[in-house]
């Protein structure tokens, strides 16, 4: 990785809130993502969610992942945007 590239970590508090509001367990999320619960917990601890993780978790909880412009114009991402 180039020395000048900074990796930003995501705060996991909103993801935790989304899971709580949707009554979705971390165990279910881990199973759905095809990873261990320990690996998922590491993602929460270190904030290392990928865009793919976020799209899939949002869909599991009944949410959309979107970029919303100041004028409220959204660009929504869903599982069709994932590379397989």
Protein backbone atom coordinates (compact mmCIF):
# COMPACT_ATOMS: atom_id res chain seq x y z
CA UNK A 1 0.00 0.00 0.00
CA UNK A 2 1.38 3.44 -0.86
CA UNK A 3 2.65 5.38 2.14
CA UNK A 4 0.52 8.42 1.29
CA UNK A 5 -2.78 6.51 1.28
CA UNK A 6 -4.79 6.92 4.47
CA UNK A 7 -7.35 4.29 5.37
CA UNK A 8 -10.33 5.68 7.22
CA UNK A 9 -12.16 3.49 9.69
CA UNK A 10 -15.93 3.56 9.97
CA UNK A 11 -17.65 4.11 13.31
CA UNK A 12 -19.77 1.08 14.01
CA UNK A 13 -22.34 2.76 16.28
CA UNK A 14 -24.82 3.39 13.45
CA UNK A 15 -24.47 -0.19 12.26
CA UNK A 16 -25.17 -1.43 15.79
CA UNK A 17 -28.22 0.83 15.98
CA UNK A 18 -29.49 -0.43 12.63
CA UNK A 19 -29.15 -4.06 13.79
CA UNK A 20 -30.90 -3.26 17.06
CA UNK A 21 -33.82 -1.47 15.39
CA UNK A 22 -34.27 -4.31 12.89
CA UNK A 23 -33.93 -7.01 15.60
CA UNK A 24 -31.12 -8.65 13.61
CA UNK A 25 -28.44 -10.51 15.55
CA UNK A 26 -24.73 -10.35 14.87
CA UNK A 27 -24.77 -14.14 14.55
CA UNK A 28 -27.30 -13.88 11.70
CA UNK A 29 -25.24 -11.17 10.01
CA UNK A 30 -22.06 -13.23 10.27
CA UNK A 31 -23.81 -16.27 8.80
CA UNK A 32 -25.29 -14.17 5.99
CA UNK A 33 -21.90 -12.65 5.15
CA UNK A 34 -20.26 -16.08 5.26
CA UNK A 35 -17.83 -15.10 8.01
CA UNK A 36 -17.30 -16.13 11.61
CA UNK A 37 -18.89 -14.23 14.46
CA UNK A 38 -15.37 -13.46 15.69
CA UNK A 39 -14.48 -11.91 12.33
CA UNK A 40 -17.66 -9.81 12.39
CA UNK A 41 -16.92 -8.65 15.93
CA UNK A 42 -13.45 -7.59 14.74
CA UNK A 43 -15.10 -5.50 12.01
CA UNK A 44 -17.17 -3.76 14.70
CA UNK A 45 -14.13 -3.26 16.94
CA UNK A 46 -11.78 -1.94 14.26
CA UNK A 47 -14.29 -0.34 11.89
CA UNK A 48 -13.13 -2.35 8.91
CA UNK A 49 -16.42 -2.89 7.08
CA UNK A 50 -16.20 -3.03 3.31
CA UNK A 51 -18.76 -1.39 1.02
CA UNK A 52 -20.00 -4.89 0.25
CA UNK A 53 -20.45 -5.61 3.97
CA UNK A 54 -22.42 -2.40 4.44
CA UNK A 55 -24.70 -3.03 1.46
CA UNK A 56 -25.46 -6.56 2.62
CA UNK A 57 -26.00 -5.60 6.27
CA UNK A 58 -28.29 -2.74 5.26
CA UNK A 59 -30.40 -5.09 3.13
CA UNK A 60 -30.59 -7.68 5.93
CA UNK A 61 -32.02 -4.95 8.15
CA UNK A 62 -34.45 -3.55 5.57
CA UNK A 63 -32.38 -0.44 4.87
CA UNK A 64 -30.61 0.93 1.80
CA UNK A 65 -27.05 2.15 1.61
CA UNK A 66 -27.06 5.48 -0.19
CA UNK A 67 -25.14 8.64 -0.86
CA UNK A 68 -27.52 11.57 -0.49
CA UNK A 69 -26.69 14.93 -2.02
CA UNK A 70 -27.49 18.16 -0.15
CA UNK A 71 -30.65 18.54 -2.25
CA UNK A 72 -31.77 15.06 -1.05
CA UNK A 73 -31.03 13.37 -4.38
CA UNK A 74 -29.97 9.81 -3.48
CA UNK A 75 -27.74 7.30 -5.20
CA UNK A 76 -28.78 3.97 -3.72
CA UNK A 77 -26.63 0.84 -3.63
CA UNK A 78 -28.04 -2.67 -3.39
CA UNK A 79 -26.90 -6.25 -3.93
CA UNK A 80 -27.03 -5.74 -7.71
CA UNK A 81 -24.10 -3.34 -7.31
CA UNK A 82 -21.90 -6.03 -5.76
CA UNK A 83 -19.21 -7.71 -7.83
CA UNK A 84 -19.33 -11.46 -7.54
